[in-house]
Structures are given as C-alpha cells and as structure tokens.
Amino acid sequence: MLIAITATGDSLQSEVDPRFGRAAYYMIVDTESGDVKAHDNSDGINASNGAGTGAAQTLSELGVEALYTGRVGPKAADVLNQAKIPYYENISGTVEEVLSRIDQGEASQSPSQVNNIAQASSQLPGLKPGIPGSGRGSGMGMGAGRGMGMGRGMGSGRGRGMGMGRGACQTQQVPAEPLRQTVPPAGKKPPVQPSRYRLVK
C-alpha cells in the first residue's frame, strides 16, 4: 500500500507538517517494501492559491492510497474524495513514529474506507428518512325510531357521523458529517522499535 505523510523535512526523523497543501515534503511510503521517498513540495509552498487542490491531484497521480497530515481544507478534501483517497487528520510526531503507530494498528487503513467515502459522496448530505405522521379522528351518530299499532307504522331514523383526521410527515434535517477520518494525537509515546523503513532516492 502506498501512503503519504506530510513532513517538515526530507527524513524519517522529520516532524509531521500540520499543513497539507503547503507542506514542505510528502513522504511517500510503500508499506510493503518499506521504501520511503521524499517528494519536494516547493511548487505548493510557492503557489499563490490552490495549493491544497494541487497537492491532492499530485498524490492521486503518484498513486497514493491514504494520507496522514495535520489538517485538510474543504476544497482539497473534495479532490481527495473524488480520487477515493482517505485521509487522517490531527497526526503529530515524527514520520518514523507515525509509521510505527500504523504498524501497531493504531491508524486503520482498511480499503473499505475508500468505498465508504465514495458511497457517502454520492448521497445527498444532511437528510434522514421521513418521520411517520400522526393522525386523529372522531365520529358521532344518533338514531331514533317510533312505531304505532292499528295497522299503521311510522318510523324515522336519523344518523350523523363526523370524522376528522390529520397527518403530517416531516423530513428531519441533520448536520452533514464530514468525510474525513480523524486520528487523535498520541498520548504517551511507546518506545520506537527499530524501523523497517528506509529512505530511498
């Protein structure tokens, strides 16, 4: 799996850069082979605008399958979602420490998250199924009859019925949930094991 980590420098000991579009470097990591390449983001740093969307497009072209960074802006998030690249925010520590946490399973990389993002983006955000309606009804009726002998009969009957019913169905509006994935900052840092990752040119 190919992942990207934003970094302030071009080494495994560099701190995670909290910026996405204007990060100094993108550390492109092959989690299977352990190879790490530092991608210089000078173009993004010097861009007058659109740094985030440009960075997202670059990662897509590089074949990145997941991103770890500090924060992703809304426009860059749209491009990442279209490219089906899940991203994880609030990442801190060094690049090596982040890779160690990933190896220990502290940051999920399940491919199903890509499908979830694609499905979520195809739905109208903020809507829930309608709430069943409620109704009320009432009715009244009266009747009377009279009969007299002597070969004659008279009868009369009256009846009335009235009913009223009201029903309503409402669609509940709820805040749309963001598509981002959030990994909380690490608390007590575990001892860093000898890294299986190596920087390559």
C-alpha atoms as a PDB file:
ATOM      1  CA  MET A   1       0.000   0.000   0.000  1.00  0.00           C
ATOM      2  CA  LEU A   2       1.268   3.465  -0.896  1.00  0.00           C
ATOM      3  CA  ILE A   3       0.661   6.171   1.710  1.00  0.00           C
ATOM      4  CA  ALA A   4       1.718   9.809   2.079  1.00  0.00           C
ATOM      5  CA  ILE A   5       2.734  11.663   5.249  1.00  0.00           C
ATOM      6  CA  THR A   6       3.223  15.432   5.248  1.00  0.00           C
ATOM      7  CA  ALA A   7       6.613  16.340   6.720  1.00  0.00           C
ATOM      8  CA  THR A   8       8.659  19.413   7.591  1.00  0.00           C
ATOM      9  CA  GLY A   9      11.848  17.789   6.241  1.00  0.00           C
ATOM     10  CA  ASP A  10      13.050  15.001   3.990  1.00  0.00           C
ATOM     11  CA  SER A  11      13.978  12.394   6.615  1.00  0.00           C
ATOM     12  CA  LEU A  12      12.174   9.830   8.742  1.00  0.00           C
ATOM     13  CA  GLN A  13      13.041  11.906  11.820  1.00  0.00           C
ATOM     14  CA  SER A  14      11.253  14.986  10.436  1.00  0.00           C
ATOM     15  CA  GLU A  15       8.150  16.184  12.234  1.00  0.00           C
ATOM     16  CA  VAL A  16       4.745  15.844  10.602  1.00  0.00           C
ATOM     17  CA  ASP A  17       3.860  19.084   8.825  1.00  0.00           C
ATOM     18  CA  PRO A  18       0.395  20.186  10.037  1.00  0.00           C
ATOM     19  CA  ARG A  19      -0.280  21.813   6.660  1.00  0.00           C
ATOM     20  CA  PHE A  20      -1.384  19.717   3.730  1.00  0.00           C
ATOM     21  CA  GLY A  21      -1.268  21.913   0.630  1.00  0.00           C
ATOM     22  CA  ARG A  22       1.819  23.852   1.745  1.00  0.00           C
ATOM     23  CA  ALA A  23       3.692  21.042   3.500  1.00  0.00           C
ATOM     24  CA  ALA A  24       7.439  21.126   2.864  1.00  0.00           C
ATOM     25  CA  TYR A  25       7.563  17.460   1.842  1.00  0.00           C
ATOM     26  CA  TYR A  26       5.321  14.484   1.195  1.00  0.00           C
ATOM     27  CA  MET A  27       6.917  11.281   2.411  1.00  0.00           C
ATOM     28  CA  ILE A  28       5.651   8.625   0.007  1.00  0.00           C
ATOM     29  CA  VAL A  29       5.797   5.262   1.786  1.00  0.00           C
ATOM     30  CA  ASP A  30       5.438   1.768   0.375  1.00  0.00           C
ATOM     31  CA  THR A  31       4.200  -0.109   3.439  1.00  0.00           C
ATOM     32  CA  GLU A  32       5.013  -3.491   1.879  1.00  0.00           C
ATOM     33  CA  SER A  33       8.620  -2.932   0.829  1.00  0.00           C
ATOM     34  CA  GLY A  34       9.431  -0.281   3.452  1.00  0.00           C
ATOM     35  CA  ASP A  35      10.786   2.140   0.836  1.00  0.00           C
ATOM     36  CA  VAL A  36      10.257   5.844   1.561  1.00  0.00           C
ATOM     37  CA  LYS A  37      10.695   8.638  -0.971  1.00  0.00           C
ATOM     38  CA  ALA A  38      10.689  12.344  -0.108  1.00  0.00           C
ATOM     39  CA  HIS A  39       8.637  14.395  -2.566  1.00  0.00           C
ATOM     40  CA  ASP A  40       9.622  18.081  -2.563  1.00  0.00           C
ATOM     41  CA  ASN A  41       6.562  20.346  -2.448  1.00  0.00           C
ATOM     42  CA  SER A  42       8.244  23.625  -3.406  1.00  0.00           C
ATOM     43  CA  ASP A  43       5.574  24.232  -6.040  1.00  0.00           C
ATOM     44  CA  GLY A  44       2.832  24.025  -3.418  1.00  0.00           C
ATOM     45  CA  ILE A  45       4.668  26.255  -0.949  1.00  0.00           C
ATOM     46  CA  ASN A  46       5.150  28.954  -3.572  1.00  0.00           C
ATOM     47  CA  ALA A  47       1.679  28.681  -5.099  1.00  0.00           C
ATOM     48  CA  SER A  48      -0.401  31.851  -4.864  1.00  0.00           C
ATOM     49  CA  ASN A  49      -3.599  29.832  -4.485  1.00  0.00           C
ATOM     50  CA  GLY A  50      -4.955  26.337  -4.990  1.00  0.00           C
ATOM     51  CA  ALA A  51      -2.095  24.681  -3.079  1.00  0.00           C
ATOM     52  CA  GLY A  52      -4.385  22.112  -1.451  1.00  0.00           C
ATOM     53  CA  THR A  53      -6.199  21.054  -4.598  1.00  0.00           C
ATOM     54  CA  GLY A  54      -2.897  20.873  -6.488  1.00  0.00           C
ATOM     55  CA  ALA A  55      -1.382  18.702  -3.763  1.00  0.00           C
ATOM     56  CA  ALA A  56      -4.365  16.361  -3.798  1.00  0.00           C
ATOM     57  CA  GLN A  57      -4.056  15.992  -7.560  1.00  0.00           C
ATOM     58  CA  THR A  58      -0.331  15.259  -7.222  1.00  0.00           C
ATOM     59  CA  LEU A  59      -0.936  12.488  -4.676  1.00  0.00           C
ATOM     60  CA  SER A  60      -3.562  10.983  -6.947  1.00  0.00           C
ATOM     61  CA  GLU A  61      -1.104  10.947  -9.860  1.00  0.00           C
ATOM     62  CA  LEU A  62       1.535   9.307  -7.634  1.00  0.00           C
ATOM     63  CA  GLY A  63      -0.897   6.505  -6.807  1.00  0.00           C
ATOM     64  CA  VAL A  64      -1.194   7.331  -3.101  1.00  0.00           C
ATOM     65  CA  GLU A  65      -3.897   5.318  -1.335  1.00  0.00           C
ATOM     66  CA  ALA A  66      -4.037   7.105   2.044  1.00  0.00           C
ATOM     67  CA  LEU A  67      -2.892  10.430   3.507  1.00  0.00           C
ATOM     68  CA  TYR A  68      -1.715  11.305   7.042  1.00  0.00           C
ATOM     69  CA  THR A  69      -1.465  15.006   7.890  1.00  0.00           C
ATOM     70  CA  GLY A  70      -2.470  17.776  10.282  1.00  0.00           C
ATOM     71  CA  ARG A  71      -5.442  19.293   8.504  1.00  0.00           C
ATOM     72  CA  VAL A  72      -7.081  19.164   5.069  1.00  0.00           C
ATOM     73  CA  GLY A  73      -9.063  22.106   3.720  1.00  0.00           C
ATOM     74  CA  PRO A  74     -12.543  21.668   2.220  1.00  0.00           C
ATOM     75  CA  LYS A  75     -11.511  22.141  -1.428  1.00  0.00           C
ATOM     76  CA  ALA A  76      -8.598  19.721  -1.125  1.00  0.00           C
ATOM     77  CA  ALA A  77     -10.920  17.284   0.647  1.00  0.00           C
ATOM     78  CA  ASP A  78     -13.253  17.324  -2.356  1.00  0.00           C
ATOM     79  CA  VAL A  79     -10.399  16.347  -4.688  1.00  0.00           C
ATOM     80  CA  LEU A  80      -9.214  13.598  -2.314  1.00  0.00           C
ATOM     81  CA  ASN A  81     -12.734  12.213  -2.050  1.00  0.00           C
ATOM     82  CA  GLN A  82     -13.129  12.206  -5.836  1.00  0.00           C
ATOM     83  CA  ALA A  83      -9.828  10.329  -6.085  1.00  0.00           C
ATOM     84  CA  LYS A  84     -11.029   7.923  -3.348  1.00  0.00           C
ATOM     85  CA  ILE A  85      -8.049   8.712  -1.128  1.00  0.00           C
ATOM     86  CA  PRO A  86      -8.995   8.507   2.580  1.00  0.00           C
ATOM     87  CA  TYR A  87      -7.173  10.983   4.797  1.00  0.00           C
ATOM     88  CA  TYR A  88      -6.365  11.115   8.502  1.00  0.00           C
ATOM     89  CA  GLU A  89      -6.054  14.413  10.383  1.00  0.00           C
ATOM     90  CA  ASN A  90      -4.564  15.586  13.685  1.00  0.00           C
ATOM     91  CA  ILE A  91      -1.449  13.493  13.090  1.00  0.00           C
ATOM     92  CA  SER A  92       1.596  14.510  15.122  1.00  0.00           C
ATOM     93  CA  GLY A  93       5.087  13.230  15.920  1.00  0.00           C
ATOM     94  CA  THR A  94       7.859  12.284  13.548  1.00  0.00           C
ATOM     95  CA  VAL A  95       7.369  10.401  10.311  1.00  0.00           C
ATOM     96  CA  GLU A  96       9.014   7.365  11.874  1.00  0.00           C
ATOM     97  CA  GLU A  97       6.685   7.494  14.888  1.00  0.00           C
ATOM     98  CA  VAL A  98       3.628   7.716  12.647  1.00  0.00           C
ATOM     99  CA  LEU A  99       4.778   4.667  10.691  1.00  0.00           C
ATOM    100  CA  SER A 100       5.321   2.815  13.954  1.00  0.00           C
ATOM    101  CA  ARG A 101       1.758   3.614  15.067  1.00  0.00           C
ATOM    102  CA  ILE A 102       0.410   2.453  11.705  1.00  0.00           C
ATOM    103  CA  ASP A 103       2.287  -0.839  12.009  1.00  0.00           C
ATOM    104  CA  GLN A 104       0.833  -1.302  15.507  1.00  0.00           C
ATOM    105  CA  GLY A 105      -2.676  -0.854  14.132  1.00  0.00           C
ATOM    106  CA  GLU A 106      -3.385   2.486  15.813  1.00  0.00           C
ATOM    107  CA  ALA A 107      -4.488   4.001  12.499  1.00  0.00           C
ATOM    108  CA  SER A 108      -6.793   1.825  10.403  1.00  0.00           C
ATOM    109  CA  GLN A 109      -6.011   1.528   6.710  1.00  0.00           C
ATOM    110  CA  SER A 110      -8.906  -0.694   5.681  1.00  0.00           C
ATOM    111  CA  PRO A 111      -9.566  -0.413   1.933  1.00  0.00           C
ATOM    112  CA  SER A 112     -13.296  -0.415   2.728  1.00  0.00           C
ATOM    113  CA  GLN A 113     -12.959   3.207   3.840  1.00  0.00           C
ATOM    114  CA  VAL A 114     -12.408   4.174   0.212  1.00  0.00           C
ATOM    115  CA  ASN A 115     -15.745   2.601  -0.715  1.00  0.00           C
ATOM    116  CA  ASN A 116     -17.462   4.271   2.224  1.00  0.00           C
ATOM    117  CA  ILE A 117     -16.211   7.662   1.082  1.00  0.00           C
ATOM    118  CA  ALA A 118     -17.380   7.032  -2.466  1.00  0.00           C
ATOM    119  CA  GLN A 119     -20.831   5.993  -1.259  1.00  0.00           C
ATOM    120  CA  ALA A 120     -21.142   8.900   1.125  1.00  0.00           C
ATOM    121  CA  SER A 121     -20.217  11.428  -1.566  1.00  0.00           C
ATOM    122  CA  SER A 122     -22.978  10.091  -3.861  1.00  0.00           C
ATOM    123  CA  GLN A 123     -25.712  10.698  -1.292  1.00  0.00           C
ATOM    124  CA  LEU A 124     -27.485  13.951  -0.562  1.00  0.00           C
ATOM    125  CA  PRO A 125     -25.926  15.097   2.721  1.00  0.00           C
ATOM    126  CA  GLY A 126     -27.925  16.119   5.743  1.00  0.00           C
ATOM    127  CA  LEU A 127     -31.161  14.205   5.112  1.00  0.00           C
ATOM    128  CA  LYS A 128     -32.676  11.391   7.099  1.00  0.00           C
ATOM    129  CA  PRO A 129     -35.747   9.295   6.177  1.00  0.00           C
ATOM    130  CA  GLY A 130     -39.084  10.966   6.960  1.00  0.00           C
ATOM    131  CA  ILE A 131     -40.679  10.650  10.394  1.00  0.00           C
ATOM    132  CA  PRO A 132     -44.033   8.753  10.291  1.00  0.00           C
ATOM    133  CA  GLY A 133     -47.078  11.090  10.517  1.00  0.00           C
ATOM    134  CA  SER A 134     -49.663  11.180  13.261  1.00  0.00           C
ATOM    135  CA  GLY A 135     -53.492  11.453  12.923  1.00  0.00           C
ATOM    136  CA  ARG A 136     -56.622  11.945  14.982  1.00  0.00           C
ATOM    137  CA  GLY A 137     -60.271  11.140  14.217  1.00  0.00           C
ATOM    138  CA  SER A 138     -63.664  11.340  15.938  1.00  0.00           C
ATOM    139  CA  GLY A 139     -67.238  10.388  14.980  1.00  0.00           C
ATOM    140  CA  MET A 140     -70.763  10.867  16.375  1.00  0.00           C
ATOM    141  CA  GLY A 141     -74.060   9.226  15.442  1.00  0.00           C
ATOM    142  CA  MET A 142     -77.713   9.456  16.651  1.00  0.00           C
ATOM    143  CA  GLY A 143     -80.726   7.421  15.670  1.00  0.00           C
ATOM    144  CA  ALA A 144     -84.393   7.226  16.828  1.00  0.00           C
ATOM    145  CA  GLY A 145     -87.411   5.140  15.768  1.00  0.00           C
ATOM    146  CA  ARG A 146     -91.125   5.075  16.672  1.00  0.00           C
ATOM    147  CA  GLY A 147     -93.874   2.589  15.857  1.00  0.00           C
ATOM    148  CA  MET A 148     -97.614   2.657  16.389  1.00  0.00           C
ATOM    149  CA  GLY A 149    -100.133  -0.254  16.075  1.00  0.00           C
ATOM    150  CA  MET A 150    -103.513  -0.295  14.445  1.00  0.00           C
ATOM    151  CA  GLY A 151    -102.170  -1.361  11.094  1.00  0.00           C
ATOM    152  CA  ARG A 152    -100.032   1.624  10.755  1.00  0.00           C
ATOM    153  CA  GLY A 153     -96.405   2.024  11.343  1.00  0.00           C
ATOM    154  CA  MET A 154     -94.262   5.000  11.290  1.00  0.00           C
ATOM    155  CA  GLY A 155     -90.620   5.094  11.844  1.00  0.00           C
ATOM    156  CA  SER A 156     -87.985   7.599  11.480  1.00  0.00           C
ATOM    157  CA  GLY A 157     -84.294   7.410  11.911  1.00  0.00           C
ATOM    158  CA  ARG A 158     -81.598   9.907  11.857  1.00  0.00           C
ATOM    159  CA  GLY A 159     -77.899   9.412  11.961  1.00  0.00           C
ATOM    160  CA  ARG A 160     -74.956  11.674  11.676  1.00  0.00           C
ATOM    161  CA  GLY A 161     -71.306  10.898  11.572  1.00  0.00           C
ATOM    162  CA  MET A 162     -68.414  13.246  11.535  1.00  0.00           C
ATOM    163  CA  GLY A 163     -64.760  12.392  11.392  1.00  0.00           C
ATOM    164  CA  MET A 164     -61.659  14.462  11.260  1.00  0.00           C
ATOM    165  CA  GLY A 165     -58.147  13.247  10.614  1.00  0.00           C
ATOM    166  CA  ARG A 166     -54.859  14.993  10.282  1.00  0.00           C
ATOM    167  CA  GLY A 167     -51.484  13.528   9.412  1.00  0.00           C
ATOM    168  CA  ALA A 168     -48.092  15.007   8.834  1.00  0.00           C
ATOM    169  CA  CYS A 169     -44.818  13.639   7.569  1.00  0.00           C
ATOM    170  CA  GLN A 170     -41.652  15.569   8.166  1.00  0.00           C
ATOM    171  CA  THR A 171     -38.123  15.182   6.822  1.00  0.00           C
ATOM    172  CA  GLN A 172     -35.589  15.815   9.521  1.00  0.00           C
ATOM    173  CA  GLN A 173     -32.589  17.992   8.638  1.00  0.00           C
ATOM    174  CA  VAL A 174     -29.392  16.985  10.398  1.00  0.00           C
ATOM    175  CA  PRO A 175     -25.868  18.363  10.028  1.00  0.00           C
ATOM    176  CA  ALA A 176     -23.871  16.617   7.333  1.00  0.00           C
ATOM    177  CA  GLU A 177     -20.985  14.547   8.620  1.00  0.00           C
ATOM    178  CA  PRO A 178     -17.547  15.238   7.181  1.00  0.00           C
ATOM    179  CA  LEU A 179     -15.834  12.561   5.151  1.00  0.00           C
ATOM    180  CA  ARG A 180     -12.565  12.925   6.918  1.00  0.00           C
ATOM    181  CA  GLN A 181     -11.063  10.359   9.233  1.00  0.00           C
ATOM    182  CA  THR A 182      -9.596  11.658  12.463  1.00  0.00           C
ATOM    183  CA  VAL A 183      -6.795  10.056  14.461  1.00  0.00           C
ATOM    184  CA  PRO A 184      -6.306  11.611  17.904  1.00  0.00           C
ATOM    185  CA  PRO A 185      -2.827  12.756  18.871  1.00  0.00           C
ATOM    186  CA  ALA A 186      -0.804  10.079  20.585  1.00  0.00           C
ATOM    187  CA  GLY A 187      -0.631  10.254  24.363  1.00  0.00           C
ATOM    188  CA  LYS A 188       2.301   8.545  25.987  1.00  0.00           C
ATOM    189  CA  LYS A 189       4.632   7.608  23.162  1.00  0.00           C
ATOM    190  CA  PRO A 190       5.621   3.930  23.105  1.00  0.00           C
ATOM    191  CA  PRO A 191       9.290   3.069  22.633  1.00  0.00           C
ATOM    192  CA  VAL A 192      10.167   3.324  18.962  1.00  0.00           C
ATOM    193  CA  GLN A 193      11.204  -0.063  17.649  1.00  0.00           C
ATOM    194  CA  PRO A 194      13.977  -0.354  15.045  1.00  0.00           C
ATOM    195  CA  SER A 195      12.360   0.911  11.857  1.00  0.00           C
ATOM    196  CA  ARG A 196      11.894  -1.381   8.879  1.00  0.00           C
ATOM    197  CA  TYR A 197      11.573   1.701   6.683  1.00  0.00           C
ATOM    198  CA  ARG A 198      14.427   3.165   4.698  1.00  0.00           C
ATOM    199  CA  LEU A 199      14.765   6.362   2.722  1.00  0.00           C
ATOM    200  CA  VAL A 200      15.488   5.838  -0.970  1.00  0.00           C
ATOM    201  CA  LYS A 201      16.176   8.307  -3.728  1.00  0.00           C
END
